[in-house]
Amino acid sequence: MGQCQRRKKNMAKNKQFQKTRKTKHRTKDIDEIVNDLKPENILKLTKQKLDENLPGLGQYYCVFCARYFINNDSLNQHYKGKEHKKQIKRTQEEPYTIKESKFMGGQQG
């Protein structure tokens, strides 16, 4: 009567699908944000050319959170929020260096 159904490909085996799923909502790490907070980098990030692929044409950017916003009102609302204030505290702490991480991992060097 019924024939054996062919098994569909499992998405777990698809490496390209796994990579896009893992990196879809990736945000910048704290050390990258601290590097962006240097004066020469802040000017590059806040004064960008118009880019139609970014929200608000790339004109409304929060450097601490590495996020783009649609308009100035939403950016000002974001500045009042809890997540933005937490991110400011995280960036004020001194980030780990490679030497410190190796020392904590038990490697000498």
PDB file of N, CA and C in Angstrom:
ATOM      1  N   MET A   1       0.820  -1.174   0.000  1.00  0.00           N
ATOM      2  CA  MET A   1       0.000   0.000   0.000  1.00  0.00           C
ATOM      3  C   MET A   1       0.872   1.248   0.000  1.00  0.00           C
ATOM      4  N   GLY A   2       1.233   1.701   1.197  1.00  0.00           N
ATOM      5  CA  GLY A   2       2.047   2.906   1.268  1.00  0.00           C
ATOM      6  C   GLY A   2       3.518   2.583   1.085  1.00  0.00           C
ATOM      7  N   GLN A   3       4.174   3.461   0.430  1.00  0.00           N
ATOM      8  CA  GLN A   3       5.602   3.256   0.229  1.00  0.00           C
ATOM      9  C   GLN A   3       6.389   3.966   1.323  1.00  0.00           C
ATOM     10  N   CYS A   4       7.604   3.550   1.455  1.00  0.00           N
ATOM     11  CA  CYS A   4       8.502   4.158   2.431  1.00  0.00           C
ATOM     12  C   CYS A   4       8.782   5.605   2.009  1.00  0.00           C
ATOM     13  N   GLN A   5       8.559   6.510   2.920  1.00  0.00           N
ATOM     14  CA  GLN A   5       8.773   7.922   2.617  1.00  0.00           C
ATOM     15  C   GLN A   5      10.261   8.266   2.688  1.00  0.00           C
ATOM     16  N   ARG A   6      10.684   9.085   1.759  1.00  0.00           N
ATOM     17  CA  ARG A   6      12.077   9.537   1.771  1.00  0.00           C
ATOM     18  C   ARG A   6      12.237  10.560   2.894  1.00  0.00           C
ATOM     19  N   ARG A   7      13.276  10.393   3.663  1.00  0.00           N
ATOM     20  CA  ARG A   7      13.528  11.280   4.775  1.00  0.00           C
ATOM     21  C   ARG A   7      14.031  12.627   4.277  1.00  0.00           C
ATOM     22  N   LYS A   8      13.497  13.694   4.810  1.00  0.00           N
ATOM     23  CA  LYS A   8      13.930  15.023   4.411  1.00  0.00           C
ATOM     24  C   LYS A   8      15.266  15.345   5.082  1.00  0.00           C
ATOM     25  N   LYS A   9      16.005  16.225   4.452  1.00  0.00           N
ATOM     26  CA  LYS A   9      17.310  16.577   5.015  1.00  0.00           C
ATOM     27  C   LYS A   9      17.124  17.307   6.343  1.00  0.00           C
ATOM     28  N   ASN A  10      17.938  16.917   7.263  1.00  0.00           N
ATOM     29  CA  ASN A  10      17.879  17.515   8.579  1.00  0.00           C
ATOM     30  C   ASN A  10      18.672  18.821   8.576  1.00  0.00           C
ATOM     31  N   MET A  11      18.077  19.890   9.113  1.00  0.00           N
ATOM     32  CA  MET A  11      18.752  21.180   9.126  1.00  0.00           C
ATOM     33  C   MET A  11      19.960  21.171  10.062  1.00  0.00           C
ATOM     34  N   ALA A  12      19.986  20.244  11.017  1.00  0.00           N
ATOM     35  CA  ALA A  12      21.106  20.184  11.945  1.00  0.00           C
ATOM     36  C   ALA A  12      22.390  19.791  11.234  1.00  0.00           C
ATOM     37  N   LYS A  13      22.286  19.084  10.129  1.00  0.00           N
ATOM     38  CA  LYS A  13      23.471  18.674   9.384  1.00  0.00           C
ATOM     39  C   LYS A  13      23.948  19.756   8.419  1.00  0.00           C
ATOM     40  N   ASN A  14      23.112  20.731   8.159  1.00  0.00           N
ATOM     41  CA  ASN A  14      23.435  21.784   7.217  1.00  0.00           C
ATOM     42  C   ASN A  14      24.326  22.825   7.897  1.00  0.00           C
ATOM     43  N   LYS A  15      25.623  22.843   7.565  1.00  0.00           N
ATOM     44  CA  LYS A  15      26.576  23.725   8.231  1.00  0.00           C
ATOM     45  C   LYS A  15      26.290  25.199   7.949  1.00  0.00           C
ATOM     46  N   GLN A  16      25.857  25.507   6.752  1.00  0.00           N
ATOM     47  CA  GLN A  16      25.568  26.898   6.414  1.00  0.00           C
ATOM     48  C   GLN A  16      24.387  27.423   7.239  1.00  0.00           C
ATOM     49  N   PHE A  17      23.388  26.582   7.450  1.00  0.00           N
ATOM     50  CA  PHE A  17      22.241  26.973   8.270  1.00  0.00           C
ATOM     51  C   PHE A  17      22.669  27.206   9.707  1.00  0.00           C
ATOM     52  N   GLN A  18      23.530  26.347  10.236  1.00  0.00           N
ATOM     53  CA  GLN A  18      24.002  26.498  11.609  1.00  0.00           C
ATOM     54  C   GLN A  18      24.757  27.805  11.776  1.00  0.00           C
ATOM     55  N   LYS A  19      25.609  28.134  10.816  1.00  0.00           N
ATOM     56  CA  LYS A  19      26.415  29.348  10.918  1.00  0.00           C
ATOM     57  C   LYS A  19      25.536  30.594  10.910  1.00  0.00           C
ATOM     58  N   THR A  20      24.547  30.635  10.037  1.00  0.00           N
ATOM     59  CA  THR A  20      23.680  31.808   9.986  1.00  0.00           C
ATOM     60  C   THR A  20      22.806  31.904  11.224  1.00  0.00           C
ATOM     61  N   ARG A  21      22.388  30.775  11.761  1.00  0.00           N
ATOM     62  CA  ARG A  21      21.563  30.800  12.964  1.00  0.00           C
ATOM     63  C   ARG A  21      22.351  31.315  14.163  1.00  0.00           C
ATOM     64  N   LYS A  22      23.627  30.939  14.252  1.00  0.00           N
ATOM     65  CA  LYS A  22      24.455  31.364  15.379  1.00  0.00           C
ATOM     66  C   LYS A  22      24.841  32.833  15.284  1.00  0.00           C
ATOM     67  N   THR A  23      25.043  33.336  14.087  1.00  0.00           N
ATOM     68  CA  THR A  23      25.556  34.696  13.924  1.00  0.00           C
ATOM     69  C   THR A  23      24.492  35.708  13.527  1.00  0.00           C
ATOM     70  N   LYS A  24      23.244  35.306  13.514  1.00  0.00           N
ATOM     71  CA  LYS A  24      22.191  36.209  13.052  1.00  0.00           C
ATOM     72  C   LYS A  24      22.051  37.435  13.955  1.00  0.00           C
ATOM     73  N   HIS A  25      22.052  37.245  15.251  1.00  0.00           N
ATOM     74  CA  HIS A  25      21.849  38.335  16.192  1.00  0.00           C
ATOM     75  C   HIS A  25      23.124  38.663  16.966  1.00  0.00           C
ATOM     76  N   ARG A  26      24.271  38.496  16.344  1.00  0.00           N
ATOM     77  CA  ARG A  26      25.526  38.742  17.024  1.00  0.00           C
ATOM     78  C   ARG A  26      25.715  40.236  17.260  1.00  0.00           C
ATOM     79  N   THR A  27      26.163  40.591  18.461  1.00  0.00           N
ATOM     80  CA  THR A  27      26.463  41.977  18.783  1.00  0.00           C
ATOM     81  C   THR A  27      27.955  42.116  19.038  1.00  0.00           C
ATOM     82  N   LYS A  28      28.408  43.335  19.101  1.00  0.00           N
ATOM     83  CA  LYS A  28      29.827  43.572  19.352  1.00  0.00           C
ATOM     84  C   LYS A  28      30.175  43.194  20.782  1.00  0.00           C
ATOM     85  N   ASP A  29      31.402  42.711  20.971  1.00  0.00           N
ATOM     86  CA  ASP A  29      31.888  42.401  22.305  1.00  0.00           C
ATOM     87  C   ASP A  29      32.326  43.688  22.997  1.00  0.00           C
ATOM     88  N   ILE A  30      32.515  43.605  24.322  1.00  0.00           N
ATOM     89  CA  ILE A  30      32.855  44.785  25.109  1.00  0.00           C
ATOM     90  C   ILE A  30      34.188  45.384  24.659  1.00  0.00           C
ATOM     91  N   ASP A  31      35.183  44.556  24.362  1.00  0.00           N
ATOM     92  CA  ASP A  31      36.478  45.105  23.948  1.00  0.00           C
ATOM     93  C   ASP A  31      36.377  45.839  22.608  1.00  0.00           C
ATOM     94  N   GLU A  32      35.502  45.387  21.717  1.00  0.00           N
ATOM     95  CA  GLU A  32      35.290  46.092  20.452  1.00  0.00           C
ATOM     96  C   GLU A  32      34.604  47.434  20.689  1.00  0.00           C
ATOM     97  N   ILE A  33      33.664  47.478  21.628  1.00  0.00           N
ATOM     98  CA  ILE A  33      32.964  48.721  21.937  1.00  0.00           C
ATOM     99  C   ILE A  33      33.911  49.710  22.602  1.00  0.00           C
ATOM    100  N   VAL A  34      34.776  49.223  23.500  1.00  0.00           N
ATOM    101  CA  VAL A  34      35.752  50.108  24.145  1.00  0.00           C
ATOM    102  C   VAL A  34      36.682  50.704  23.097  1.00  0.00           C
ATOM    103  N   ASN A  35      37.040  49.914  22.102  1.00  0.00           N
ATOM    104  CA  ASN A  35      37.879  50.425  21.015  1.00  0.00           C
ATOM    105  C   ASN A  35      37.123  51.482  20.204  1.00  0.00           C
ATOM    106  N   ASP A  36      35.815  51.302  20.032  1.00  0.00           N
ATOM    107  CA  ASP A  36      35.003  52.284  19.305  1.00  0.00           C
ATOM    108  C   ASP A  36      34.835  53.586  20.076  1.00  0.00           C
ATOM    109  N   LEU A  37      35.037  53.556  21.393  1.00  0.00           N
ATOM    110  CA  LEU A  37      34.850  54.754  22.204  1.00  0.00           C
ATOM    111  C   LEU A  37      36.031  55.720  22.133  1.00  0.00           C
ATOM    112  N   LYS A  38      37.091  55.355  21.444  1.00  0.00           N
ATOM    113  CA  LYS A  38      38.199  56.285  21.254  1.00  0.00           C
ATOM    114  C   LYS A  38      37.712  57.441  20.386  1.00  0.00           C
ATOM    115  N   PRO A  39      38.205  58.657  20.650  1.00  0.00           N
ATOM    116  CA  PRO A  39      37.662  59.847  19.954  1.00  0.00           C
ATOM    117  C   PRO A  39      37.694  59.774  18.429  1.00  0.00           C
ATOM    118  N   GLU A  40      38.752  59.213  17.857  1.00  0.00           N
ATOM    119  CA  GLU A  40      38.824  59.156  16.393  1.00  0.00           C
ATOM    120  C   GLU A  40      37.807  58.172  15.817  1.00  0.00           C
ATOM    121  N   ASN A  41      37.471  57.129  16.578  1.00  0.00           N
ATOM    122  CA  ASN A  41      36.492  56.149  16.099  1.00  0.00           C
ATOM    123  C   ASN A  41      35.055  56.615  16.305  1.00  0.00           C
ATOM    124  N   ILE A  42      34.809  57.400  17.362  1.00  0.00           N
ATOM    125  CA  ILE A  42      33.450  57.891  17.612  1.00  0.00           C
ATOM    126  C   ILE A  42      33.000  58.787  16.470  1.00  0.00           C
ATOM    127  N   LEU A  43      33.887  59.635  15.979  1.00  0.00           N
ATOM    128  CA  LEU A  43      33.518  60.528  14.877  1.00  0.00           C
ATOM    129  C   LEU A  43      33.153  59.747  13.622  1.00  0.00           C
ATOM    130  N   LYS A  44      33.883  58.672  13.353  1.00  0.00           N
ATOM    131  CA  LYS A  44      33.574  57.851  12.178  1.00  0.00           C
ATOM    132  C   LYS A  44      32.203  57.193  12.307  1.00  0.00           C
ATOM    133  N   LEU A  45      31.868  56.733  13.510  1.00  0.00           N
ATOM    134  CA  LEU A  45      30.620  56.001  13.710  1.00  0.00           C
ATOM    135  C   LEU A  45      29.399  56.913  13.765  1.00  0.00           C
ATOM    136  N   THR A  46      29.554  58.095  14.341  1.00  0.00           N
ATOM    137  CA  THR A  46      28.391  58.969  14.480  1.00  0.00           C
ATOM    138  C   THR A  46      28.132  59.804  13.235  1.00  0.00           C
ATOM    139  N   LYS A  47      29.135  60.099  12.458  1.00  0.00           N
ATOM    140  CA  LYS A  47      28.971  60.917  11.238  1.00  0.00           C
ATOM    141  C   LYS A  47      29.134  60.030  10.011  1.00  0.00           C
ATOM    142  N   GLN A  48      28.203  59.123   9.801  1.00  0.00           N
ATOM    143  CA  GLN A  48      28.273  58.205   8.668  1.00  0.00           C
ATOM    144  C   GLN A  48      27.486  58.744   7.482  1.00  0.00           C
ATOM    145  N   LYS A  49      27.844  58.261   6.314  1.00  0.00           N
ATOM    146  CA  LYS A  49      27.075  58.595   5.116  1.00  0.00           C
ATOM    147  C   LYS A  49      25.723  57.895   5.184  1.00  0.00           C
ATOM    148  N   LEU A  50      24.776  58.374   4.400  1.00  0.00           N
ATOM    149  CA  LEU A  50      23.453  57.756   4.371  1.00  0.00           C
ATOM    150  C   LEU A  50      23.539  56.350   3.805  1.00  0.00           C
ATOM    151  N   ASP A  51      22.968  55.398   4.530  1.00  0.00           N
ATOM    152  CA  ASP A  51      22.975  53.994   4.110  1.00  0.00           C
ATOM    153  C   ASP A  51      21.547  53.467   4.219  1.00  0.00           C
ATOM    154  N   GLU A  52      20.940  53.176   3.091  1.00  0.00           N
ATOM    155  CA  GLU A  52      19.533  52.780   3.110  1.00  0.00           C
ATOM    156  C   GLU A  52      19.304  51.386   3.687  1.00  0.00           C
ATOM    157  N   ASN A  53      20.356  50.621   3.913  1.00  0.00           N
ATOM    158  CA  ASN A  53      20.204  49.290   4.497  1.00  0.00           C
ATOM    159  C   ASN A  53      20.128  49.320   6.015  1.00  0.00           C
ATOM    160  N   LEU A  54      20.480  50.447   6.631  1.00  0.00           N
ATOM    161  CA  LEU A  54      20.470  50.562   8.082  1.00  0.00           C
ATOM    162  C   LEU A  54      19.231  51.322   8.550  1.00  0.00           C
ATOM    163  N   PRO A  55      18.768  51.042   9.770  1.00  0.00           N
ATOM    164  CA  PRO A  55      17.632  51.803  10.301  1.00  0.00           C
ATOM    165  C   PRO A  55      17.978  53.282  10.424  1.00  0.00           C
ATOM    166  N   GLY A  56      17.052  54.147  10.049  1.00  0.00           N
ATOM    167  CA  GLY A  56      17.274  55.584  10.129  1.00  0.00           C
ATOM    168  C   GLY A  56      18.380  56.061   9.208  1.00  0.00           C
ATOM    169  N   LEU A  57      18.635  55.303   8.154  1.00  0.00           N
ATOM    170  CA  LEU A  57      19.696  55.591   7.175  1.00  0.00           C
ATOM    171  C   LEU A  57      21.076  55.666   7.826  1.00  0.00           C
ATOM    172  N   GLY A  58      21.241  55.049   8.999  1.00  0.00           N
ATOM    173  CA  GLY A  58      22.538  54.992   9.664  1.00  0.00           C
ATOM    174  C   GLY A  58      22.918  56.271  10.379  1.00  0.00           C
ATOM    175  N   GLN A  59      21.969  57.176  10.618  1.00  0.00           N
ATOM    176  CA  GLN A  59      22.286  58.466  11.225  1.00  0.00           C
ATOM    177  C   GLN A  59      22.137  58.481  12.744  1.00  0.00           C
ATOM    178  N   TYR A  60      21.394  57.552  13.303  1.00  0.00           N
ATOM    179  CA  TYR A  60      21.134  57.539  14.744  1.00  0.00           C
ATOM    180  C   TYR A  60      21.757  56.271  15.323  1.00  0.00           C
ATOM    181  N   TYR A  61      22.945  56.414  15.904  1.00  0.00           N
ATOM    182  CA  TYR A  61      23.742  55.275  16.357  1.00  0.00           C
ATOM    183  C   TYR A  61      24.142  55.471  17.813  1.00  0.00           C
ATOM    184  N   CYS A  62      23.958  54.446  18.630  1.00  0.00           N
ATOM    185  CA  CYS A  62      24.419  54.455  20.016  1.00  0.00           C
ATOM    186  C   CYS A  62      25.757  53.723  20.047  1.00  0.00           C
ATOM    187  N   VAL A  63      26.821  54.440  20.376  1.00  0.00           N
ATOM    188  CA  VAL A  63      28.165  53.864  20.347  1.00  0.00           C
ATOM    189  C   VAL A  63      28.338  52.847  21.469  1.00  0.00           C
ATOM    190  N   PHE A  64      27.752  53.109  22.643  1.00  0.00           N
ATOM    191  CA  PHE A  64      27.912  52.203  23.780  1.00  0.00           C
ATOM    192  C   PHE A  64      27.261  50.841  23.528  1.00  0.00           C
ATOM    193  N   CYS A  65      26.104  50.842  22.872  1.00  0.00           N
ATOM    194  CA  CYS A  65      25.364  49.599  22.642  1.00  0.00           C
ATOM    195  C   CYS A  65      25.567  49.036  21.242  1.00  0.00           C
ATOM    196  N   ALA A  66      26.207  49.795  20.354  1.00  0.00           N
ATOM    197  CA  ALA A  66      26.453  49.390  18.967  1.00  0.00           C
ATOM    198  C   ALA A  66      25.139  49.063  18.263  1.00  0.00           C
ATOM    199  N   ARG A  67      24.165  49.984  18.373  1.00  0.00           N
ATOM    200  CA  ARG A  67      22.843  49.796  17.773  1.00  0.00           C
ATOM    201  C   ARG A  67      22.442  51.024  16.983  1.00  0.00           C
ATOM    202  N   TYR A  68      21.703  50.782  15.901  1.00  0.00           N
ATOM    203  CA  TYR A  68      21.142  51.856  15.090  1.00  0.00           C
ATOM    204  C   TYR A  68      19.670  52.024  15.454  1.00  0.00           C
ATOM    205  N   PHE A  69      19.178  53.274  15.343  1.00  0.00           N
ATOM    206  CA  PHE A  69      17.793  53.563  15.658  1.00  0.00           C
ATOM    207  C   PHE A  69      17.131  54.290  14.497  1.00  0.00           C
ATOM    208  N   ILE A  70      15.795  54.249  14.476  1.00  0.00           N
ATOM    209  CA  ILE A  70      15.026  54.787  13.359  1.00  0.00           C
ATOM    210  C   ILE A  70      15.051  56.309  13.341  1.00  0.00           C
ATOM    211  N   ASN A  71      14.878  56.926  14.515  1.00  0.00           N
ATOM    212  CA  ASN A  71      14.857  58.387  14.560  1.00  0.00           C
ATOM    213  C   ASN A  71      15.472  58.875  15.867  1.00  0.00           C
ATOM    214  N   ASN A  72      15.558  60.189  16.011  1.00  0.00           N
ATOM    215  CA  ASN A  72      16.196  60.778  17.182  1.00  0.00           C
ATOM    216  C   ASN A  72      15.377  60.534  18.447  1.00  0.00           C
ATOM    217  N   ASP A  73      14.053  60.483  18.328  1.00  0.00           N
ATOM    218  CA  ASP A  73      13.215  60.230  19.502  1.00  0.00           C
ATOM    219  C   ASP A  73      13.470  58.845  20.085  1.00  0.00           C
ATOM    220  N   SER A  74      13.569  57.846  19.234  1.00  0.00           N
ATOM    221  CA  SER A  74      13.826  56.486  19.735  1.00  0.00           C
ATOM    222  C   SER A  74      15.238  56.376  20.321  1.00  0.00           C
ATOM    223  N   LEU A  75      16.179  57.133  19.769  1.00  0.00           N
ATOM    224  CA  LEU A  75      17.546  57.132  20.323  1.00  0.00           C
ATOM    225  C   LEU A  75      17.545  57.776  21.708  1.00  0.00           C
ATOM    226  N   ASN A  76      16.851  58.897  21.860  1.00  0.00           N
ATOM    227  CA  ASN A  76      16.778  59.559  23.175  1.00  0.00           C
ATOM    228  C   ASN A  76      16.040  58.690  24.185  1.00  0.00           C
ATOM    229  N   GLN A  77      15.029  57.975  23.757  1.00  0.00           N
ATOM    230  CA  GLN A  77      14.311  57.043  24.639  1.00  0.00           C
ATOM    231  C   GLN A  77      15.245  55.907  25.066  1.00  0.00           C
ATOM    232  N   HIS A  78      16.080  55.457  24.159  1.00  0.00           N
ATOM    233  CA  HIS A  78      17.052  54.395  24.462  1.00  0.00           C
ATOM    234  C   HIS A  78      18.059  54.867  25.514  1.00  0.00           C
ATOM    235  N   TYR A  79      18.486  56.133  25.414  1.00  0.00           N
ATOM    236  CA  TYR A  79      19.441  56.674  26.377  1.00  0.00           C
ATOM    237  C   TYR A  79      18.905  56.641  27.799  1.00  0.00           C
ATOM    238  N   LYS A  80      17.591  56.704  27.977  1.00  0.00           N
ATOM    239  CA  LYS A  80      16.973  56.695  29.302  1.00  0.00           C
ATOM    240  C   LYS A  80      16.783  55.281  29.845  1.00  0.00           C
ATOM    241  N   GLY A  81      16.991  54.267  29.012  1.00  0.00           N
ATOM    242  CA  GLY A  81      16.665  52.893  29.382  1.00  0.00           C
ATOM    243  C   GLY A  81      17.713  52.217  30.240  1.00  0.00           C
ATOM    244  N   LYS A  82      17.279  51.121  30.846  1.00  0.00           N
ATOM    245  CA  LYS A  82      18.120  50.348  31.755  1.00  0.00           C
ATOM    246  C   LYS A  82      19.276  49.659  31.034  1.00  0.00           C
ATOM    247  N   GLU A  83      19.006  49.074  29.864  1.00  0.00           N
ATOM    248  CA  GLU A  83      20.051  48.340  29.144  1.00  0.00           C
ATOM    249  C   GLU A  83      21.193  49.263  28.722  1.00  0.00           C
ATOM    250  N   HIS A  84      20.871  50.482  28.316  1.00  0.00           N
ATOM    251  CA  HIS A  84      21.910  51.444  27.920  1.00  0.00           C
ATOM    252  C   HIS A  84      22.777  51.813  29.124  1.00  0.00           C
ATOM    253  N   LYS A  85      22.133  52.027  30.263  1.00  0.00           N
ATOM    254  CA  LYS A  85      22.882  52.394  31.468  1.00  0.00           C
ATOM    255  C   LYS A  85      23.773  51.251  31.937  1.00  0.00           C
ATOM    256  N   LYS A  86      23.296  50.016  31.816  1.00  0.00           N
ATOM    257  CA  LYS A  86      24.127  48.857  32.166  1.00  0.00           C
ATOM    258  C   LYS A  86      25.334  48.754  31.241  1.00  0.00           C
ATOM    259  N   GLN A  87      25.104  49.016  29.964  1.00  0.00           N
ATOM    260  CA  GLN A  87      26.185  48.918  28.982  1.00  0.00           C
ATOM    261  C   GLN A  87      27.255  49.975  29.241  1.00  0.00           C
ATOM    262  N   ILE A  88      26.850  51.167  29.679  1.00  0.00           N
ATOM    263  CA  ILE A  88      27.826  52.214  30.015  1.00  0.00           C
ATOM    264  C   ILE A  88      28.705  51.749  31.167  1.00  0.00           C
ATOM    265  N   LYS A  89      28.113  51.113  32.178  1.00  0.00           N
ATOM    266  CA  LYS A  89      28.902  50.612  33.308  1.00  0.00           C
ATOM    267  C   LYS A  89      29.874  49.522  32.858  1.00  0.00           C
ATOM    268  N   ARG A  90      29.417  48.637  31.957  1.00  0.00           N
ATOM    269  CA  ARG A  90      30.299  47.569  31.460  1.00  0.00           C
ATOM    270  C   ARG A  90      31.494  48.137  30.702  1.00  0.00           C
ATOM    271  N   THR A  91      31.283  49.196  29.939  1.00  0.00           N
ATOM    272  CA  THR A  91      32.383  49.757  29.140  1.00  0.00           C
ATOM    273  C   THR A  91      33.339  50.568  29.991  1.00  0.00           C
ATOM    274  N   GLN A  92      32.923  51.025  31.169  1.00  0.00           N
ATOM    275  CA  GLN A  92      33.825  51.787  32.030  1.00  0.00           C
ATOM    276  C   GLN A  92      34.801  50.882  32.761  1.00  0.00           C
ATOM    277  N   GLU A  93      34.467  49.601  32.911  1.00  0.00           N
ATOM    278  CA  GLU A  93      35.396  48.652  33.514  1.00  0.00           C
ATOM    279  C   GLU A  93      36.523  48.369  32.527  1.00  0.00           C
ATOM    280  N   GLU A  94      37.692  48.071  33.045  1.00  0.00           N
ATOM    281  CA  GLU A  94      38.824  47.782  32.172  1.00  0.00           C
ATOM    282  C   GLU A  94      38.664  46.383  31.576  1.00  0.00           C
ATOM    283  N   PRO A  95      38.697  46.250  30.244  1.00  0.00           N
ATOM    284  CA  PRO A  95      38.507  44.923  29.631  1.00  0.00           C
ATOM    285  C   PRO A  95      39.728  44.025  29.869  1.00  0.00           C
ATOM    286  N   TYR A  96      39.470  42.724  29.809  1.00  0.00           N
ATOM    287  CA  TYR A  96      40.545  41.758  29.979  1.00  0.00           C
ATOM    288  C   TYR A  96      41.519  41.836  28.815  1.00  0.00           C
ATOM    289  N   THR A  97      42.776  41.552  29.128  1.00  0.00           N
ATOM    290  CA  THR A  97      43.782  41.471  28.076  1.00  0.00           C
ATOM    291  C   THR A  97      44.076  40.004  27.799  1.00  0.00           C
ATOM    292  N   ILE A  98      44.780  39.745  26.728  1.00  0.00           N
ATOM    293  CA  ILE A  98      45.142  38.367  26.389  1.00  0.00           C
ATOM    294  C   ILE A  98      46.055  37.787  27.453  1.00  0.00           C
ATOM    295  N   LYS A  99      46.956  38.611  27.981  1.00  0.00           N
ATOM    296  CA  LYS A  99      47.874  38.155  29.021  1.00  0.00           C
ATOM    297  C   LYS A  99      47.108  37.717  30.270  1.00  0.00           C
ATOM    298  N   GLU A 100      46.106  38.490  30.686  1.00  0.00           N
ATOM    299  CA  GLU A 100      45.297  38.125  31.851  1.00  0.00           C
ATOM    300  C   GLU A 100      44.512  36.839  31.610  1.00  0.00           C
ATOM    301  N   SER A 101      43.968  36.678  30.425  1.00  0.00           N
ATOM    302  CA  SER A 101      43.176  35.476  30.164  1.00  0.00           C
ATOM    303  C   SER A 101      44.044  34.226  30.146  1.00  0.00           C
ATOM    304  N   LYS A 102      45.258  34.337  29.616  1.00  0.00           N
ATOM    305  CA  LYS A 102      46.166  33.192  29.639  1.00  0.00           C
ATOM    306  C   LYS A 102      46.579  32.845  31.056  1.00  0.00           C
ATOM    307  N   PHE A 103      46.814  33.871  31.883  1.00  0.00           N
ATOM    308  CA  PHE A 103      47.197  33.638  33.271  1.00  0.00           C
ATOM    309  C   PHE A 103      46.075  32.935  34.030  1.00  0.00           C
ATOM    310  N   MET A 104      44.832  33.373  33.824  1.00  0.00           N
ATOM    311  CA  MET A 104      43.703  32.741  34.500  1.00  0.00           C
ATOM    312  C   MET A 104      43.444  31.342  33.965  1.00  0.00           C
ATOM    313  N   GLY A 105      43.795  31.086  32.719  1.00  0.00           N
ATOM    314  CA  GLY A 105      43.619  29.771  32.137  1.00  0.00           C
ATOM    315  C   GLY A 105      44.705  28.791  32.521  1.00  0.00           C
ATOM    316  N   GLY A 106      45.732  29.256  33.198  1.00  0.00           N
ATOM    317  CA  GLY A 106      46.790  28.367  33.644  1.00  0.00           C
ATOM    318  C   GLY A 106      47.984  28.299  32.713  1.00  0.00           C
ATOM    319  N   GLN A 107      47.938  29.056  31.621  1.00  0.00           N
ATOM    320  CA  GLN A 107      49.081  29.070  30.696  1.00  0.00           C
ATOM    321  C   GLN A 107      50.022  30.196  31.101  1.00  0.00           C
ATOM    322  N   GLN A 108      51.280  29.957  30.922  1.00  0.00           N
ATOM    323  CA  GLN A 108      52.281  30.995  31.183  1.00  0.00           C
ATOM    324  C   GLN A 108      52.601  31.700  29.889  1.00  0.00           C
ATOM    325  N   GLY A 109      52.768  33.015  29.947  1.00  0.00           N
ATOM    326  CA  GLY A 109      53.149  33.682  28.715  1.00  0.00           C
ATOM    327  C   GLY A 109      52.822  35.099  28.653  1.00  0.00           C
TER     328      GLY A 109
END
